């Protein structure tokens, strides 16, 4: 399967909690980073739901940090996604 030309697109990933602690998330992030670099991307940006501490910890462990970008507004009309990013230079 090939991605369309242009910048990498946004997707959603909701893995099962069963594989936690086995490095699956770390390998997935490494694969996405490699894919983004091969496509010429210079930044990896993602959004995570507030309170999803296991995901935030995974991202931070892989060098992905909080940004000042405003995330999408959630269904409650008040809360926004947390936007995180990593330079791929």
C-alpha atoms as a PDB file:
ATOM      1  CA  UNK A   1       0.000   0.000   0.000  1.00  0.00           C
ATOM      2  CA  UNK A   2       1.362   3.436  -0.931  1.00  0.00           C
ATOM      3  CA  UNK A   3       0.514   6.765   0.624  1.00  0.00           C
ATOM      4  CA  UNK A   4      -0.637   9.562  -1.690  1.00  0.00           C
ATOM      5  CA  UNK A   5       1.948  12.232  -2.587  1.00  0.00           C
ATOM      6  CA  UNK A   6       2.266  15.235  -0.301  1.00  0.00           C
ATOM      7  CA  UNK A   7       2.716  15.607   3.425  1.00  0.00           C
ATOM      8  CA  UNK A   8       1.890  12.680   5.677  1.00  0.00           C
ATOM      9  CA  UNK A   9      -1.731  12.636   6.694  1.00  0.00           C
ATOM     10  CA  UNK A  10      -3.422  12.422  10.027  1.00  0.00           C
ATOM     11  CA  UNK A  11      -4.685   9.084  11.219  1.00  0.00           C
ATOM     12  CA  UNK A  12      -6.059   7.551  14.366  1.00  0.00           C
ATOM     13  CA  UNK A  13      -4.602   4.649  16.276  1.00  0.00           C
ATOM     14  CA  UNK A  14      -6.276   2.970  19.216  1.00  0.00           C
ATOM     15  CA  UNK A  15      -4.295  -0.155  20.105  1.00  0.00           C
ATOM     16  CA  UNK A  16      -5.528  -2.849  22.416  1.00  0.00           C
ATOM     17  CA  UNK A  17      -4.191  -2.493  25.973  1.00  0.00           C
ATOM     18  CA  UNK A  18      -3.070  -6.156  25.961  1.00  0.00           C
ATOM     19  CA  UNK A  19       0.353  -5.637  24.337  1.00  0.00           C
ATOM     20  CA  UNK A  20       1.389  -2.878  26.762  1.00  0.00           C
ATOM     21  CA  UNK A  21       4.897  -3.293  28.083  1.00  0.00           C
ATOM     22  CA  UNK A  22       6.111  -5.310  25.098  1.00  0.00           C
ATOM     23  CA  UNK A  23       7.559  -2.448  23.029  1.00  0.00           C
ATOM     24  CA  UNK A  24       4.828  -2.513  20.380  1.00  0.00           C
ATOM     25  CA  UNK A  25       4.172   1.230  20.705  1.00  0.00           C
ATOM     26  CA  UNK A  26       7.885   2.067  20.524  1.00  0.00           C
ATOM     27  CA  UNK A  27       8.259  -0.011  17.354  1.00  0.00           C
ATOM     28  CA  UNK A  28       5.172   1.566  15.814  1.00  0.00           C
ATOM     29  CA  UNK A  29       6.476   5.080  16.492  1.00  0.00           C
ATOM     30  CA  UNK A  30       9.885   4.151  15.031  1.00  0.00           C
ATOM     31  CA  UNK A  31       8.165   2.813  11.905  1.00  0.00           C
ATOM     32  CA  UNK A  32       6.070   5.979  11.503  1.00  0.00           C
ATOM     33  CA  UNK A  33       9.160   8.159  11.989  1.00  0.00           C
ATOM     34  CA  UNK A  34      11.046   6.179   9.347  1.00  0.00           C
ATOM     35  CA  UNK A  35       8.127   6.441   6.930  1.00  0.00           C
ATOM     36  CA  UNK A  36       7.827  10.204   7.519  1.00  0.00           C
ATOM     37  CA  UNK A  37      11.568  10.730   7.006  1.00  0.00           C
ATOM     38  CA  UNK A  38      11.537   8.744   3.756  1.00  0.00           C
ATOM     39  CA  UNK A  39       8.744  11.013   2.537  1.00  0.00           C
ATOM     40  CA  UNK A  40      10.828  14.076   3.344  1.00  0.00           C
ATOM     41  CA  UNK A  41       8.924  15.219   6.416  1.00  0.00           C
ATOM     42  CA  UNK A  42      10.808  17.338   8.918  1.00  0.00           C
ATOM     43  CA  UNK A  43       8.306  17.178  11.772  1.00  0.00           C
ATOM     44  CA  UNK A  44       6.121  14.506  13.303  1.00  0.00           C
ATOM     45  CA  UNK A  45       2.967  15.926  14.890  1.00  0.00           C
ATOM     46  CA  UNK A  46       0.194  14.064  16.670  1.00  0.00           C
ATOM     47  CA  UNK A  47      -2.766  14.718  18.900  1.00  0.00           C
ATOM     48  CA  UNK A  48      -3.782  12.773  21.973  1.00  0.00           C
ATOM     49  CA  UNK A  49      -6.854  12.954  24.174  1.00  0.00           C
ATOM     50  CA  UNK A  50      -6.313  14.689  27.508  1.00  0.00           C
ATOM     51  CA  UNK A  51      -5.949  12.177  30.308  1.00  0.00           C
ATOM     52  CA  UNK A  52      -4.515   9.416  28.098  1.00  0.00           C
ATOM     53  CA  UNK A  53      -1.395   9.208  30.255  1.00  0.00           C
ATOM     54  CA  UNK A  54      -0.146   5.856  28.885  1.00  0.00           C
ATOM     55  CA  UNK A  55      -0.048   7.357  25.366  1.00  0.00           C
ATOM     56  CA  UNK A  56       1.536  10.611  26.553  1.00  0.00           C
ATOM     57  CA  UNK A  57       4.232   8.635  28.404  1.00  0.00           C
ATOM     58  CA  UNK A  58       4.919   6.539  25.287  1.00  0.00           C
ATOM     59  CA  UNK A  59       5.256   9.635  23.108  1.00  0.00           C
ATOM     60  CA  UNK A  60       7.497  11.457  25.593  1.00  0.00           C
ATOM     61  CA  UNK A  61       9.707   8.376  25.942  1.00  0.00           C
ATOM     62  CA  UNK A  62      10.202   8.569  22.167  1.00  0.00           C
ATOM     63  CA  UNK A  63      11.178  12.258  22.177  1.00  0.00           C
ATOM     64  CA  UNK A  64       7.754  13.631  21.263  1.00  0.00           C
ATOM     65  CA  UNK A  65       7.002  16.733  23.325  1.00  0.00           C
ATOM     66  CA  UNK A  66       4.072  19.039  24.043  1.00  0.00           C
ATOM     67  CA  UNK A  67       3.616  21.910  21.596  1.00  0.00           C
ATOM     68  CA  UNK A  68       1.802  25.217  21.871  1.00  0.00           C
ATOM     69  CA  UNK A  69      -0.521  24.294  18.987  1.00  0.00           C
ATOM     70  CA  UNK A  70      -4.226  24.194  19.769  1.00  0.00           C
ATOM     71  CA  UNK A  71      -5.725  20.767  19.293  1.00  0.00           C
ATOM     72  CA  UNK A  72      -9.132  20.074  17.828  1.00  0.00           C
ATOM     73  CA  UNK A  73     -12.103  20.856  19.989  1.00  0.00           C
ATOM     74  CA  UNK A  74     -13.671  17.728  21.475  1.00  0.00           C
ATOM     75  CA  UNK A  75     -17.369  16.876  21.579  1.00  0.00           C
ATOM     76  CA  UNK A  76     -17.895  18.614  24.934  1.00  0.00           C
ATOM     77  CA  UNK A  77     -17.204  21.925  23.197  1.00  0.00           C
ATOM     78  CA  UNK A  78     -14.618  22.934  25.808  1.00  0.00           C
ATOM     79  CA  UNK A  79     -11.758  20.427  25.930  1.00  0.00           C
ATOM     80  CA  UNK A  80      -9.115  20.282  23.224  1.00  0.00           C
ATOM     81  CA  UNK A  81      -6.720  17.551  22.124  1.00  0.00           C
ATOM     82  CA  UNK A  82      -3.128  17.809  23.350  1.00  0.00           C
ATOM     83  CA  UNK A  83      -0.845  18.392  20.345  1.00  0.00           C
ATOM     84  CA  UNK A  84       2.641  16.890  20.544  1.00  0.00           C
ATOM     85  CA  UNK A  85       5.525  16.911  18.095  1.00  0.00           C
ATOM     86  CA  UNK A  86       9.078  15.919  17.267  1.00  0.00           C
ATOM     87  CA  UNK A  87      11.632  17.371  14.886  1.00  0.00           C
ATOM     88  CA  UNK A  88      12.880  14.772  12.406  1.00  0.00           C
ATOM     89  CA  UNK A  89      16.083  16.654  11.465  1.00  0.00           C
END
